[in-house]
Amino acid sequence: MDDLLQAMRIRANAGDVRGVRGLMRMGCRGTARAPPAMLFELMIAYRNRRKPLAAISVLREVNSTDSDPEPWLYAEGYKILGQAGLLEKAMAMLRARLKSGKAAVDEFNALISISRKADTRVNAWQLHEEMKKHKISGNRSTFAALLSCYAENGDVARASRTLDEMKSEGYEARLIEYSLVLKACIKSKEGELALKHFRNMISEGISPDIIAFNSVIASISKSGDVDKAHELLQLLMQQEENLGYDSFAPVLVQLLDKGRFSDAAELVERMKERNLYPDEAYFKCLISNYSKVNRVEDAERTLKEMIFRGYKPTVRTLTAMLNAYARATQFPKALSLLKEMQEMTPAIELDERCFTIVMTSAIKSRRPEDAVRLFDEMIVAGIPKGNSSTSTLIRALGMMKEVDRAERVFSAIARPDLYCYNELIFAYLICGKRKDAVHVLEKLRKGQNVYLKPNGITYGMFIRNSALRGEVREAKDMFYQMTVVDKIKASPRAYTSLVEACVKSGDLKGALDLLEEMKSKGLQATDESFVRLREAALQNSNASL
C-alpha cells in the first residue's frame, strides 16, 4: 500500500488525474470505498490541474456512496478552495456541515488558517465564535491558528484575549504562542503591552529566545520609548553573545529618528565589539536624519564611510543625500550629485523624486530657470512626470513671471492634486493676478472632492500676499475665512503675515492683540522676521499697550 500511495503522490504532484484514478482502482479492488489517503491524493491532483471545484467533487463522490469523508479531508478541501480564492465557497460548505451536525474542529482550524489575510481576519474571529455557539471545543491548533492570524494583521487586542482564553482552557502557553502575540504588538506599536507579555512569559518559567527579545525590543522602539528598548537590549547583550544585527536595528533607527546621534554612535561601537557592522539601511537612515537638522557635512562623511565599508549606495541612499543638500539650500552640490547619479555605471534607476528634490533646491536658491531646465532634462531622460515635479515646475514658472505657461502646464495635468492648485495660486499671486487666484480658491471651496479643499498653505499665501501690499482688511478677511468658516487652525506663519499687515497699515494695537492671541494659544514666534515685527509694534505703540 505504501508503494502504491507513493506512486499516486508522484502523479498527483504532476496533476495526472487519470493516472491517480487508475492507481485508485488498482488499490481498491474488492473494497467499497477508497481509503482517505487515496482520496486526498486525488484532490491534490485536481488542485495541481487548477481545478479546485473538481477537487471538492471528490468529497461529493464519497457522499454518494452513503459514506461520510473524514473531517480532515474536508479541511484539506477548504485549503484548496482558499488557495484558489474561493473562500466564500469553503465557508458555505462549512455552514452546510454545521447544519447537518457533522462539522469538526479540524475543519474550523483549516478555515481559520486561511483567514490570515488582512481582509479576512474578521472571519477568523467569527469562526471561533461559531465554534463556541455549536459547542465545538477548540484545541491547541485552533488557538495557534487564531494567534497566527491576529499576529499577521497586528490585531493585538484579539491576540491577547486569545492567549488568555487558551490558558483558561487548560493549555499551557509556550514560547511560540507568546512570540505570535509579541509579533502582533510589533505591528500595532504596542510597546507597553509587549513588555507586559514578555514579563508574563518569564514569570511562567519560559526562557525567551532571541526572536522573543527582538520582538519586544522592536515593539517598544516603534512605540517611541527608545530608552526602555535600549535598556532591554543591554539586558539581552549581557545574556546572549551571538546576537545579530536584527537585535540592534530597531533601537538604532529610533535613536537616529530622535536625533540622538551620539547614543547611536556609542551603540554602533558596542556592535563592532561583537564584529557586527551597520548595513546600508542604517547609513541611509543616518543620512536622512542628519539632513533633518542641516548637518550636511556629517551626512557627507556618513556617505563616504558607507562606500568605504563596501556598500554601493542605492538610489534611496543617494536620494537621502540629495535631500540633505536641498534642506541646507546647497543647490550646486545637489545638482552635482544628481549628475553623478545619472552617469553611474552600472546605471541606477532615477525617478521623479530625485529630480523634484533638486528642482526644489533650485527654487529655494532663487534659481527657477534651473528648476525648469531640470524638468526638461527629466522628460528627455524618459522619466514619467507626476504631480510632484509638475507642481514644482509651476512654482518655478510663477517665480519667472511666466504665468501663461504655468496655466498651460496646469491644464495638461490629468488629475491635479492640492499641491498643483496651490502652486497655480502662487503663480497668480506673484504675478499680480489676485482675481484669478481667488477664482481658483473659490473653485476649491465649492468642489465636491474632500481631498481638494483649501488648507492652511492655501490661505497662508493669500494672507502673505495681502500683508506685502499692506492690505490689512483683505488679510483679515482671508484669516476669518480660514479659521472661522473653514475651521482651519492658523499656523505661526499665518499669524506672522497678519501682524505684518497690521504694522504696515499702522494698526499697532491690532498687531499686539494678535501677539496676545498667539500667546494664549501656545504658539511661539521663533523666526527672526516675526521677532522684528514684534519689536516694531512695541516701539511704535503707546506705553499703556
Protein backbone atom coordinates (compact mmCIF):
# COMPACT_ATOMS: atom_id res chain seq x y z
CA MET A 1 0.00 0.00 0.00
CA ASP A 2 2.86 2.41 0.83
CA ASP A 3 4.41 1.91 -2.60
CA LEU A 4 1.03 2.49 -4.23
CA LEU A 5 0.47 5.73 -2.28
CA GLN A 6 3.96 6.90 -3.22
CA ALA A 7 3.19 6.30 -6.90
CA MET A 8 -0.11 8.17 -6.53
CA ARG A 9 1.64 11.06 -4.83
CA ILE A 10 4.08 11.40 -7.73
CA ARG A 11 1.21 11.52 -10.23
CA ALA A 12 -0.84 13.86 -8.04
CA ASN A 13 2.02 16.36 -7.80
CA ALA A 14 2.19 16.31 -11.59
CA GLY A 15 -1.58 16.90 -11.86
CA ASP A 16 -2.11 13.49 -13.51
CA VAL A 17 -5.75 12.91 -12.51
CA ARG A 18 -6.22 9.95 -14.84
CA GLY A 19 -3.12 8.22 -13.51
CA VAL A 20 -4.22 8.72 -9.90
CA ARG A 21 -7.70 7.31 -10.60
CA GLY A 22 -6.16 4.30 -12.33
CA LEU A 23 -3.99 3.54 -9.30
CA MET A 24 -7.02 4.02 -7.04
CA ARG A 25 -8.96 1.38 -8.99
CA MET A 26 -5.99 -0.93 -8.75
CA GLY A 27 -5.70 -0.48 -4.99
CA CYS A 28 -9.42 -0.67 -4.22
CA ARG A 29 -10.33 -3.96 -5.92
CA GLY A 30 -12.83 -5.78 -3.76
CA THR A 31 -13.47 -2.82 -1.44
CA ALA A 32 -16.46 -0.49 -1.33
CA ARG A 33 -14.55 2.78 -0.99
CA ALA A 34 -11.07 4.23 -1.33
CA PRO A 35 -9.14 4.99 1.85
CA PRO A 36 -8.91 8.68 2.87
CA ALA A 37 -5.21 8.85 1.93
CA MET A 38 -6.04 7.94 -1.67
CA LEU A 39 -8.90 10.43 -1.85
CA PHE A 40 -6.53 13.09 -0.61
CA GLU A 41 -4.05 12.38 -3.43
CA LEU A 42 -6.89 12.61 -5.97
CA MET A 43 -7.86 16.01 -4.57
CA ILE A 44 -4.25 17.16 -4.81
CA ALA A 45 -4.12 16.01 -8.44
CA TYR A 46 -7.16 18.14 -9.26
CA ARG A 47 -5.67 21.08 -7.34
CA ASN A 48 -2.46 20.89 -9.35
CA ARG A 49 -4.53 20.82 -12.53
CA ARG A 50 -6.01 24.10 -11.25
CA LYS A 51 -9.44 22.54 -10.90
CA PRO A 52 -10.39 23.31 -7.28
CA LEU A 53 -14.10 22.61 -7.76
CA ALA A 54 -13.30 19.19 -9.23
CA ALA A 55 -11.19 18.52 -6.13
CA ILE A 56 -14.21 19.26 -3.96
CA SER A 57 -16.36 16.99 -6.14
CA VAL A 58 -14.29 14.08 -4.79
CA LEU A 59 -15.97 14.65 -1.42
CA ARG A 60 -19.38 14.53 -3.12
CA GLU A 61 -18.45 11.24 -4.80
CA VAL A 62 -17.84 9.72 -1.39
CA ASN A 63 -21.10 11.14 -0.03
CA SER A 64 -23.00 9.49 -2.88
CA THR A 65 -21.88 6.08 -1.56
CA ASP A 66 -23.60 6.79 1.80
CA SER A 67 -20.19 7.24 3.40
CA ASP A 68 -19.02 10.45 5.01
CA PRO A 69 -15.44 11.59 4.34
CA GLU A 70 -13.30 12.12 7.39
CA PRO A 71 -13.25 15.75 8.66
CA TRP A 72 -9.58 16.22 7.83
CA LEU A 73 -10.39 15.61 4.15
CA TYR A 74 -12.92 18.44 4.27
CA ALA A 75 -10.23 20.56 5.92
CA GLU A 76 -7.88 19.86 3.02
CA GLY A 77 -10.70 20.70 0.61
CA TYR A 78 -11.20 24.08 2.29
CA LYS A 79 -7.48 24.80 1.92
CA ILE A 80 -7.65 24.03 -1.80
CA LEU A 81 -10.60 26.41 -2.19
CA GLY A 82 -8.82 29.07 -0.16
CA GLN A 83 -5.72 28.84 -2.37
CA ALA A 84 -7.97 29.31 -5.40
CA GLY A 85 -9.58 32.42 -3.87
CA LEU A 86 -12.86 30.61 -3.25
CA LEU A 87 -13.03 31.23 0.49
CA GLU A 88 -16.75 32.01 0.42
CA LYS A 89 -17.48 28.62 -1.14
CA ALA A 90 -15.45 26.95 1.59
CA MET A 91 -17.43 28.90 4.21
CA ALA A 92 -20.70 27.77 2.57
CA MET A 93 -19.57 24.15 2.76
CA LEU A 94 -18.76 24.56 6.46
CA ARG A 95 -22.17 26.09 7.14
CA ALA A 96 -23.82 23.09 5.45
CA ARG A 97 -21.70 20.76 7.58
CA LEU A 98 -22.72 22.67 10.70
CA LYS A 99 -26.38 22.34 9.76
CA SER A 100 -26.00 18.58 9.43
CA GLY A 101 -24.13 18.42 12.74
CA LYS A 102 -21.03 16.86 11.16
CA ALA A 103 -18.53 19.77 11.28
CA ALA A 104 -15.41 19.08 13.34
CA VAL A 105 -12.63 21.15 14.86
CA ASP A 106 -10.14 20.27 12.08
CA GLU A 107 -12.39 21.99 9.55
CA PHE A 108 -12.55 25.18 11.62
CA ASN A 109 -8.79 25.14 12.10
CA ALA A 110 -8.25 24.95 8.35
CA LEU A 111 -10.51 27.91 7.64
CA ILE A 112 -9.03 29.99 10.46
CA SER A 113 -5.57 29.36 9.00
CA ILE A 114 -6.77 30.58 5.60
CA SER A 115 -8.02 33.78 7.25
CA ARG A 116 -4.55 35.22 7.78
CA LYS A 117 -5.09 37.73 5.00
CA ALA A 118 -5.78 41.29 6.18
CA ASP A 119 -9.22 41.40 4.59
CA THR A 120 -10.36 38.16 6.23
CA ARG A 121 -9.18 38.45 9.83
CA VAL A 122 -12.75 39.15 10.96
CA ASN A 123 -13.68 35.73 9.55
CA ALA A 124 -11.19 34.11 11.94
CA TRP A 125 -12.86 35.73 14.92
CA GLN A 126 -16.35 34.87 13.55
CA LEU A 127 -15.32 31.25 13.00
CA HIS A 128 -14.13 30.99 16.59
CA GLU A 129 -17.42 32.42 17.83
CA GLU A 130 -19.29 29.95 15.62
CA MET A 131 -17.34 27.10 17.22
CA LYS A 132 -18.43 28.22 20.68
CA LYS A 133 -22.02 28.58 19.52
CA HIS A 134 -22.10 24.97 18.30
CA LYS A 135 -20.17 23.75 21.36
CA ILE A 136 -17.20 22.58 19.30
CA SER A 137 -14.18 22.72 21.57
CA GLY A 138 -11.02 24.21 20.15
CA ASN A 139 -7.64 22.56 20.55
CA ARG A 140 -4.09 23.85 20.61
CA SER A 141 -4.08 24.04 16.80
CA THR A 142 -7.17 26.27 16.93
CA PHE A 143 -5.50 28.77 19.23
CA ALA A 144 -2.26 28.64 17.23
CA ALA A 145 -4.18 29.40 14.00
CA LEU A 146 -6.06 32.28 15.65
CA LEU A 147 -2.88 33.78 17.09
CA SER A 148 -1.12 33.48 13.71
CA CYS A 149 -3.98 35.30 12.03
CA TYR A 150 -4.10 38.12 14.59
CA ALA A 151 -0.29 38.42 14.64
CA GLU A 152 -0.18 38.72 10.86
CA ASN A 153 -2.67 41.60 10.97
CA GLY A 154 -1.46 43.35 14.11
CA ASP A 155 -4.74 42.71 15.94
CA VAL A 156 -3.12 42.85 19.37
CA ALA A 157 -6.39 43.06 21.34
CA ARG A 158 -7.75 39.78 19.96
CA ALA A 159 -4.33 38.15 20.15
CA SER A 160 -4.12 38.99 23.87
CA ARG A 161 -7.67 37.76 24.53
CA THR A 162 -6.99 34.54 22.62
CA LEU A 163 -3.86 33.87 24.66
CA ASP A 164 -5.82 34.35 27.90
CA GLU A 165 -8.62 32.10 26.64
CA MET A 166 -6.14 29.40 25.68
CA LYS A 167 -4.73 29.42 29.21
CA SER A 168 -8.23 29.29 30.72
CA GLU A 169 -8.98 26.20 28.57
CA GLY A 170 -6.09 24.43 30.28
CA TYR A 171 -3.46 24.82 27.57
CA GLU A 172 -0.07 25.95 28.79
CA ALA A 173 1.27 28.87 26.78
CA ARG A 174 4.58 28.12 25.10
CA LEU A 175 7.26 30.30 23.58
CA ILE A 176 5.71 30.02 20.12
CA GLU A 177 2.33 31.40 21.30
CA TYR A 178 3.96 34.28 23.15
CA SER A 179 6.09 35.02 20.09
CA LEU A 180 2.93 35.38 17.98
CA VAL A 181 1.40 37.81 20.48
CA LEU A 182 4.64 39.81 20.52
CA LYS A 183 4.54 39.91 16.71
CA ALA A 184 1.05 41.47 16.92
CA CYS A 185 2.46 44.03 19.38
CA ILE A 186 5.19 44.98 16.89
CA LYS A 187 2.68 45.64 14.10
CA SER A 188 0.38 47.68 16.34
CA LYS A 189 3.30 49.54 18.03
CA GLU A 190 2.08 48.49 21.49
CA GLY A 191 5.35 48.64 23.39
CA GLU A 192 3.89 48.58 26.92
CA LEU A 193 1.69 45.58 26.14
CA ALA A 194 4.65 43.77 24.57
CA LEU A 195 6.67 44.33 27.74
CA LYS A 196 3.77 43.06 29.86
CA HIS A 197 3.53 39.81 27.86
CA PHE A 198 7.31 39.49 27.95
CA ARG A 199 7.32 39.71 31.74
CA ASN A 200 4.42 37.23 31.99
CA MET A 201 6.37 34.83 29.82
CA ILE A 202 9.40 34.99 32.11
CA SER A 203 7.25 34.69 35.26
CA GLU A 204 5.73 31.49 33.81
CA GLY A 205 9.19 29.97 33.52
CA ILE A 206 9.53 30.36 29.75
CA SER A 207 13.03 31.35 28.70
CA PRO A 208 12.79 33.93 25.91
CA ASP A 209 14.86 33.29 22.81
CA ILE A 210 16.50 35.94 20.66
CA ILE A 211 13.37 36.19 18.48
CA ALA A 212 11.21 36.97 21.51
CA PHE A 213 13.72 39.52 22.75
CA ASN A 214 13.92 41.11 19.30
CA SER A 215 10.14 41.25 19.08
CA VAL A 216 9.67 43.10 22.35
CA ILE A 217 12.61 45.43 21.63
CA ALA A 218 11.09 46.27 18.23
CA SER A 219 7.64 46.81 19.76
CA ILE A 220 8.92 49.17 22.43
CA SER A 221 11.11 51.01 19.92
CA LYS A 222 8.24 51.54 17.48
CA SER A 223 6.02 52.82 20.27
CA GLY A 224 8.60 55.56 20.84
CA ASP A 225 10.04 54.50 24.21
CA VAL A 226 13.58 54.09 22.94
CA ASP A 227 15.15 54.29 26.41
CA LYS A 228 13.21 51.26 27.62
CA ALA A 229 14.05 49.40 24.41
CA HIS A 230 17.72 50.32 24.86
CA GLU A 231 17.63 49.04 28.43
CA LEU A 232 16.14 45.72 27.28
CA LEU A 233 18.74 45.43 24.54
CA GLN A 234 21.50 45.86 27.10
CA LEU A 235 19.95 43.04 29.15
CA LEU A 236 19.93 40.84 26.06
CA MET A 237 23.58 41.73 25.35
CA GLN A 238 24.51 40.51 28.84
CA GLN A 239 22.70 37.18 28.36
CA GLU A 240 23.49 36.40 24.73
CA GLU A 241 26.84 36.54 22.98
CA ASN A 242 25.75 35.62 19.46
CA LEU A 243 23.44 38.50 18.66
CA GLY A 244 22.66 39.50 15.10
CA TYR A 245 22.16 42.93 13.60
CA ASP A 246 18.36 42.49 13.86
CA SER A 247 18.62 42.88 17.63
CA PHE A 248 20.24 46.32 17.36
CA ALA A 249 18.46 47.73 14.29
CA PRO A 250 15.14 48.88 15.89
CA VAL A 251 16.91 50.77 18.69
CA LEU A 252 19.41 52.31 16.28
CA VAL A 253 16.66 53.59 13.99
CA GLN A 254 14.72 55.16 16.86
CA LEU A 255 17.83 56.79 18.33
CA LEU A 256 18.55 58.34 14.94
CA ASP A 257 14.94 59.43 14.42
CA LYS A 258 15.08 61.24 17.77
CA GLY A 259 18.34 62.95 16.79
CA ARG A 260 20.37 61.13 19.45
CA PHE A 261 23.37 60.66 17.19
CA SER A 262 25.96 60.22 19.95
CA ASP A 263 23.91 57.44 21.61
CA ALA A 264 23.53 55.73 18.23
CA ALA A 265 27.27 56.02 17.59
CA GLU A 266 28.01 54.50 21.01
CA LEU A 267 25.68 51.59 20.25
CA VAL A 268 27.42 51.05 16.90
CA GLU A 269 30.75 50.81 18.75
CA ARG A 270 29.25 48.15 21.03
CA MET A 271 28.14 46.30 17.90
CA LYS A 272 31.63 46.47 16.40
CA GLU A 273 33.00 44.82 19.54
CA ARG A 274 30.84 41.84 18.50
CA ASN A 275 32.02 42.03 14.88
CA LEU A 276 28.66 43.45 13.80
CA TYR A 277 28.60 46.37 11.41
CA PRO A 278 25.73 48.60 10.26
CA ASP A 279 24.04 47.77 6.97
CA GLU A 280 23.08 50.13 4.16
CA ALA A 281 19.67 50.83 5.73
CA TYR A 282 21.45 52.25 8.80
CA PHE A 283 23.58 54.58 6.70
CA LYS A 284 20.55 55.77 4.74
CA CYS A 285 18.66 56.42 7.99
CA LEU A 286 21.67 58.29 9.42
CA ILE A 287 21.97 60.48 6.31
CA SER A 288 18.22 61.20 6.35
CA ASN A 289 18.27 62.27 9.98
CA TYR A 290 21.39 64.39 9.53
CA SER A 291 19.57 66.17 6.71
CA LYS A 292 16.64 67.00 9.02
CA VAL A 293 18.93 69.01 11.29
CA ASN A 294 21.01 70.51 8.45
CA ARG A 295 24.17 68.60 9.36
CA VAL A 296 25.28 68.28 5.75
CA GLU A 297 28.97 67.68 6.49
CA ASP A 298 28.06 64.77 8.78
CA ALA A 299 25.79 63.37 6.07
CA GLU A 300 28.64 63.60 3.53
CA ARG A 301 31.03 61.89 5.95
CA THR A 302 28.48 59.12 6.50
CA LEU A 303 28.13 58.54 2.75
CA LYS A 304 31.92 58.28 2.39
CA GLU A 305 32.12 55.82 5.30
CA MET A 306 29.37 53.74 3.74
CA ILE A 307 31.29 53.49 0.46
CA PHE A 308 34.49 52.70 2.40
CA ARG A 309 32.65 49.82 4.11
CA GLY A 310 31.99 48.32 0.69
CA TYR A 311 28.34 49.30 0.31
CA LYS A 312 27.38 50.60 -3.12
CA PRO A 313 24.89 53.41 -2.50
CA THR A 314 21.44 52.71 -3.87
CA VAL A 315 19.13 55.33 -5.32
CA ARG A 316 17.33 55.54 -1.94
CA THR A 317 20.53 56.40 -0.08
CA LEU A 318 21.62 58.94 -2.66
CA THR A 319 18.14 60.46 -2.63
CA ALA A 320 18.55 60.96 1.13
CA MET A 321 21.82 62.80 0.38
CA LEU A 322 20.04 64.94 -2.22
CA ASN A 323 17.51 65.82 0.48
CA ALA A 324 20.32 66.86 2.82
CA TYR A 325 21.67 69.29 0.22
CA ALA A 326 18.19 70.58 -0.62
CA ARG A 327 17.28 71.24 3.02
CA ALA A 328 20.52 73.15 3.51
CA THR A 329 19.87 75.17 0.31
CA GLN A 330 23.07 73.85 -1.28
CA PHE A 331 21.83 73.67 -4.85
CA PRO A 332 25.24 73.35 -6.58
CA LYS A 333 26.07 70.23 -4.53
CA ALA A 334 22.59 68.76 -5.11
CA LEU A 335 22.94 69.34 -8.86
CA SER A 336 26.45 67.86 -8.92
CA LEU A 337 25.28 64.71 -7.09
CA LEU A 338 22.32 64.32 -9.46
CA LYS A 339 24.70 64.42 -12.43
CA GLU A 340 26.92 61.80 -10.77
CA MET A 341 23.85 59.61 -10.28
CA GLN A 342 22.98 59.97 -13.99
CA GLU A 343 26.49 58.89 -15.01
CA MET A 344 26.87 55.93 -12.63
CA THR A 345 27.94 52.55 -14.02
CA PRO A 346 26.10 50.28 -13.78
CA ALA A 347 23.24 52.72 -14.16
CA ILE A 348 20.87 53.26 -11.25
CA GLU A 349 17.22 53.85 -11.89
CA LEU A 350 16.49 57.51 -11.21
CA ASP A 351 12.92 58.53 -10.52
CA GLU A 352 10.82 61.68 -10.45
CA ARG A 353 11.58 62.21 -6.76
CA CYS A 354 15.31 62.73 -7.41
CA PHE A 355 14.65 65.50 -9.94
CA THR A 356 11.90 67.09 -7.83
CA ILE A 357 14.24 67.39 -4.84
CA VAL A 358 16.89 69.18 -6.89
CA MET A 359 14.26 71.37 -8.59
CA THR A 360 13.00 72.40 -5.14
CA SER A 361 16.58 73.15 -4.09
CA ALA A 362 16.96 75.39 -7.16
CA ILE A 363 13.78 77.27 -6.25
CA LYS A 364 14.96 77.80 -2.66
CA SER A 365 18.22 79.17 -4.08
CA ARG A 366 16.21 81.63 -6.24
CA ARG A 367 17.22 79.84 -9.43
CA PRO A 368 13.87 78.97 -11.03
CA GLU A 369 15.42 78.77 -14.52
CA ASP A 370 17.49 75.81 -13.35
CA ALA A 371 14.38 74.13 -11.99
CA VAL A 372 12.68 74.45 -15.39
CA ARG A 373 15.77 73.11 -17.14
CA LEU A 374 15.89 70.11 -14.80
CA PHE A 375 12.25 69.32 -15.52
CA ASP A 376 13.01 69.32 -19.25
CA GLU A 377 16.04 67.04 -18.64
CA MET A 378 13.82 64.63 -16.71
CA ILE A 379 11.38 64.39 -19.63
CA VAL A 380 14.22 63.84 -22.14
CA ALA A 381 15.59 61.06 -19.88
CA GLY A 382 12.25 59.28 -20.22
CA ILE A 383 11.29 59.61 -16.56
CA PRO A 384 7.49 59.97 -16.26
CA LYS A 385 6.34 63.26 -14.80
CA GLY A 386 3.94 63.28 -11.90
CA ASN A 387 2.13 65.89 -9.84
CA SER A 388 5.16 66.35 -7.60
CA SER A 389 7.55 67.53 -10.32
CA THR A 390 4.80 69.31 -12.26
CA SER A 391 3.67 71.40 -9.28
CA THR A 392 7.32 72.35 -8.65
CA LEU A 393 7.59 73.41 -12.29
CA ILE A 394 4.51 75.63 -11.91
CA ARG A 395 6.13 77.37 -8.91
CA ALA A 396 9.31 77.95 -10.88
CA LEU A 397 7.35 79.43 -13.80
CA GLY A 398 5.49 81.69 -11.37
CA MET A 399 8.80 82.98 -9.99
CA MET A 400 9.87 83.67 -13.59
CA LYS A 401 6.59 85.56 -14.17
CA GLU A 402 5.63 83.13 -16.94
CA VAL A 403 2.08 82.77 -15.73
CA ASP A 404 0.67 81.86 -19.16
CA ARG A 405 2.99 78.87 -19.42
CA ALA A 406 2.15 77.91 -15.82
CA GLU A 407 -1.54 77.87 -16.80
CA ARG A 408 -0.81 75.62 -19.79
CA VAL A 409 1.20 73.21 -17.64
CA PHE A 410 -1.62 73.07 -15.08
CA SER A 411 -4.27 72.49 -17.77
CA ALA A 412 -2.32 69.47 -19.05
CA ILE A 413 -2.42 67.70 -15.66
CA ALA A 414 -4.84 64.78 -15.79
CA ARG A 415 -5.68 64.79 -12.08
CA PRO A 416 -4.24 67.81 -10.30
CA ASP A 417 -3.86 67.46 -6.54
CA LEU A 418 -3.93 70.21 -3.92
CA TYR A 419 -0.20 70.87 -4.37
CA CYS A 420 -0.81 71.68 -8.04
CA TYR A 421 -3.71 74.01 -7.20
CA ASN A 422 -1.65 75.76 -4.52
CA GLU A 423 1.26 76.33 -6.90
CA LEU A 424 -1.08 77.76 -9.54
CA ILE A 425 -2.47 80.15 -6.89
CA PHE A 426 1.13 81.08 -6.00
CA ALA A 427 1.88 81.81 -9.67
CA TYR A 428 -1.19 84.04 -9.96
CA LEU A 429 -0.44 85.93 -6.76
CA ILE A 430 3.23 86.54 -7.50
CA CYS A 431 2.30 87.77 -10.99
CA GLY A 432 -0.31 90.20 -9.63
CA LYS A 433 -3.35 88.21 -10.81
CA ARG A 434 -5.14 88.07 -7.48
CA LYS A 435 -8.62 87.77 -9.05
CA ASP A 436 -7.54 84.63 -10.90
CA ALA A 437 -6.09 83.27 -7.67
CA VAL A 438 -9.36 83.97 -5.81
CA HIS A 439 -11.27 82.21 -8.63
CA VAL A 440 -9.15 79.06 -8.09
CA LEU A 441 -9.72 79.34 -4.31
CA GLU A 442 -13.49 79.50 -4.77
CA LYS A 443 -13.38 76.52 -7.11
CA LEU A 444 -11.60 74.52 -4.39
CA ARG A 445 -14.02 75.68 -1.69
CA LYS A 446 -17.10 74.71 -3.73
CA GLY A 447 -15.68 71.44 -5.07
CA GLN A 448 -17.16 68.09 -4.05
CA ASN A 449 -13.81 66.33 -3.59
CA VAL A 450 -12.94 66.36 0.13
CA TYR A 451 -9.26 65.89 -0.75
CA LEU A 452 -9.25 69.06 -2.83
CA LYS A 453 -10.18 71.63 -0.22
CA PRO A 454 -8.11 74.71 0.68
CA ASN A 455 -5.66 74.14 3.52
CA GLY A 456 -3.55 76.41 5.72
CA ILE A 457 -0.95 76.79 2.98
CA THR A 458 -3.61 77.94 0.50
CA TYR A 459 -4.94 80.67 2.78
CA GLY A 460 -1.45 81.50 4.05
CA MET A 461 -0.38 82.55 0.55
CA PHE A 462 -3.33 84.95 0.27
CA ILE A 463 -2.70 86.42 3.74
CA ARG A 464 1.00 86.84 2.97
CA ASN A 465 0.23 88.50 -0.37
CA SER A 466 -2.15 90.94 1.31
CA ALA A 467 0.43 91.68 4.01
CA LEU A 468 3.10 92.55 1.47
CA ARG A 469 0.71 95.04 -0.14
CA GLY A 470 -0.36 96.46 3.22
CA GLU A 471 -4.00 95.41 2.69
CA VAL A 472 -4.94 94.64 6.28
CA ARG A 473 -8.71 94.28 5.68
CA GLU A 474 -8.09 91.83 2.86
CA ALA A 475 -5.68 89.83 5.05
CA LYS A 476 -8.16 89.76 7.94
CA ASP A 477 -10.97 88.58 5.64
CA MET A 478 -8.86 85.66 4.47
CA PHE A 479 -7.82 84.87 8.04
CA TYR A 480 -11.51 84.81 9.03
CA GLN A 481 -12.40 82.54 6.10
CA MET A 482 -9.63 80.17 7.10
CA THR A 483 -10.15 79.98 10.87
CA VAL A 484 -13.89 80.58 11.32
CA VAL A 485 -15.59 79.48 8.09
CA ASP A 486 -13.33 76.56 7.10
CA LYS A 487 -12.17 75.89 10.69
CA ILE A 488 -8.51 75.53 9.74
CA LYS A 489 -6.04 76.06 12.57
CA ALA A 490 -3.84 79.10 11.92
CA SER A 491 -0.11 78.47 11.84
CA PRO A 492 2.50 80.83 13.35
CA ARG A 493 3.38 81.84 9.76
CA ALA A 494 -0.23 82.93 9.08
CA TYR A 495 -0.23 85.00 12.28
CA THR A 496 3.12 86.49 11.28
CA SER A 497 1.73 87.69 7.95
CA LEU A 498 -1.37 89.14 9.60
CA VAL A 499 0.73 91.01 12.19
CA GLU A 500 2.89 92.38 9.38
CA ALA A 501 -0.23 93.62 7.57
CA CYS A 502 -1.38 95.37 10.75
CA VAL A 503 2.02 97.02 11.30
CA LYS A 504 2.22 98.22 7.68
CA SER A 505 -1.25 99.76 7.89
CA GLY A 506 -0.48 101.43 11.24
CA ASP A 507 -2.84 99.19 13.24
CA LEU A 508 -0.34 98.59 16.04
CA LYS A 509 -2.95 97.71 18.64
CA GLY A 510 -4.32 95.04 16.27
CA ALA A 511 -0.80 93.65 15.88
CA LEU A 512 -0.33 93.46 19.66
CA ASP A 513 -3.75 91.84 20.09
CA LEU A 514 -2.71 89.17 17.60
CA LEU A 515 0.50 88.59 19.55
CA GLU A 516 -1.51 88.08 22.71
CA GLU A 517 -3.89 85.74 20.87
CA MET A 518 -0.91 83.69 19.69
CA LYS A 519 0.43 83.53 23.21
CA SER A 520 -2.93 82.37 24.59
CA LYS A 521 -2.96 79.55 22.02
CA GLY A 522 0.54 78.42 22.90
CA LEU A 523 2.03 79.48 19.56
CA GLN A 524 5.61 80.64 19.78
CA ALA A 525 7.23 83.10 17.40
CA THR A 526 10.73 81.84 16.76
CA ASP A 527 11.73 83.17 13.35
CA GLU A 528 13.67 86.41 13.17
CA SER A 529 11.19 88.20 10.93
CA PHE A 530 8.42 87.70 13.46
CA VAL A 531 10.63 88.95 16.28
CA ARG A 532 11.43 92.08 14.26
CA LEU A 533 7.71 92.68 13.68
CA ARG A 534 7.05 92.33 17.39
CA GLU A 535 9.78 94.85 18.22
CA ALA A 536 8.46 97.27 15.60
CA ALA A 537 4.97 97.02 17.05
CA LEU A 538 6.23 97.61 20.60
CA GLN A 539 8.41 100.55 19.61
CA ASN A 540 5.55 102.32 17.81
CA SER A 541 2.85 101.60 20.38
CA ASN A 542 1.82 103.54 23.47
CA ALA A 543 3.36 102.51 26.76
CA SER A 544 -0.11 101.57 28.01
CA LEU A 545 -0.35 98.88 25.34
